[in-house]
Amino acid sequence: MATITLNRALYTQIQNYAKEDNLSVDEWVTMLIKKFVPAKKKGYRMKRIEELSPELQAIIGFAKPNVTNDDDMNGDKARMDYLTEKYAQ
């Protein structure tokens, strides 16, 4: 068990709050810490397509664009190529 040090006025205030909730000071402080200190979040790592189930791979493959170039990240060139091919005569 660890010990923390508080000034007497703060401890008395905490003691009064704890009594109102029918808790000990230890229980009240523990409740407060759990309420306001978030649990450590699990890191997120995106899976590679090869790690996904075959069903998901098929869905992603269906929705994937034909070819993406590093110099055309937002798709402007691909859109212009498509429109040129469709409407050019």
Protein backbone atom coordinates (compact mmCIF):
# COMPACT_ATOMS: atom_id res chain seq x y z
CA MET A 1 0.00 0.00 0.00
CA ALA A 2 1.30 3.44 -0.93
CA THR A 3 0.88 6.59 1.15
CA ILE A 4 0.21 10.12 -0.06
CA THR A 5 0.54 13.31 1.96
CA LEU A 6 -2.13 16.02 1.94
CA ASN A 7 -2.42 19.20 3.94
CA ARG A 8 -4.83 18.95 6.86
CA ALA A 9 -7.49 21.28 5.38
CA LEU A 10 -7.65 19.32 2.13
CA TYR A 11 -7.79 16.01 3.98
CA THR A 12 -10.67 17.29 6.14
CA GLN A 13 -12.53 18.40 3.02
CA ILE A 14 -12.01 14.99 1.40
CA GLN A 15 -13.12 13.31 4.61
CA ASN A 16 -16.38 15.30 4.56
CA TYR A 17 -17.07 14.42 0.92
CA ALA A 18 -16.37 10.75 1.65
CA LYS A 19 -18.74 10.74 4.64
CA GLU A 20 -21.54 12.18 2.47
CA ASP A 21 -21.12 9.22 0.11
CA ASN A 22 -20.74 6.69 2.96
CA LEU A 23 -17.18 5.90 1.85
CA SER A 24 -13.80 5.87 3.51
CA VAL A 25 -11.25 8.43 2.39
CA ASP A 26 -9.34 5.65 0.62
CA GLU A 27 -12.45 4.46 -1.24
CA TRP A 28 -13.43 8.03 -2.18
CA VAL A 29 -9.98 8.92 -3.52
CA THR A 30 -9.83 5.63 -5.43
CA MET A 31 -13.23 6.34 -6.98
CA LEU A 32 -12.13 9.84 -7.95
CA ILE A 33 -8.91 8.63 -9.54
CA LYS A 34 -10.73 5.95 -11.53
CA LYS A 35 -13.25 8.53 -12.71
CA PHE A 36 -10.77 11.15 -13.90
CA VAL A 37 -7.64 9.23 -14.86
CA PRO A 38 -8.34 7.35 -18.08
CA ALA A 39 -7.09 3.84 -18.53
CA LYS A 40 -4.18 3.46 -20.89
CA LYS A 41 -5.54 3.06 -24.38
CA LYS A 42 -4.53 0.11 -26.44
CA GLY A 43 -2.45 1.10 -29.42
CA TYR A 44 -4.00 0.65 -32.82
CA ARG A 45 -2.18 -0.85 -35.75
CA MET A 46 -3.81 -1.13 -39.12
CA LYS A 47 -3.55 -4.62 -40.54
CA ARG A 48 -2.03 -5.22 -43.93
CA ILE A 49 -4.43 -6.55 -46.54
CA GLU A 50 -2.69 -9.93 -46.42
CA GLU A 51 -3.55 -10.26 -42.72
CA LEU A 52 -7.30 -9.86 -43.30
CA SER A 53 -9.79 -12.64 -43.94
CA PRO A 54 -10.31 -13.65 -47.58
CA GLU A 55 -13.83 -12.17 -47.46
CA LEU A 56 -12.52 -8.75 -46.42
CA GLN A 57 -9.72 -8.95 -48.97
CA ALA A 58 -12.31 -9.53 -51.67
CA ILE A 59 -14.41 -6.56 -50.53
CA ILE A 60 -11.40 -4.27 -50.37
CA GLY A 61 -10.15 -5.52 -53.72
CA PHE A 62 -13.53 -4.71 -55.25
CA ALA A 63 -13.48 -1.13 -53.93
CA LYS A 64 -9.80 -0.45 -54.53
CA PRO A 65 -8.95 2.02 -57.30
CA ASN A 66 -7.09 0.62 -60.29
CA VAL A 67 -3.74 2.29 -59.72
CA THR A 68 -2.67 5.02 -57.33
CA ASN A 69 0.47 6.99 -57.94
CA ASP A 70 2.47 8.62 -55.19
CA ASP A 71 2.30 11.91 -57.11
CA ASP A 72 -1.53 11.71 -57.34
CA MET A 73 -2.56 11.12 -53.72
CA ASN A 74 -5.89 12.97 -53.96
CA GLY A 75 -6.83 11.43 -57.32
CA ASP A 76 -6.91 14.61 -59.44
CA LYS A 77 -4.82 13.09 -62.23
CA ALA A 78 -6.82 9.85 -62.22
CA ARG A 79 -10.10 11.79 -62.34
CA MET A 80 -8.88 13.93 -65.24
CA ASP A 81 -7.66 10.84 -67.11
CA TYR A 82 -11.07 9.21 -66.64
CA LEU A 83 -12.97 12.29 -67.80
CA THR A 84 -10.67 12.77 -70.79
CA GLU A 85 -11.12 9.14 -71.80
CA LYS A 86 -14.90 9.30 -71.37
CA TYR A 87 -15.62 12.67 -73.05
CA ALA A 88 -12.72 13.26 -75.45
CA GLN A 89 -13.53 12.63 -79.07
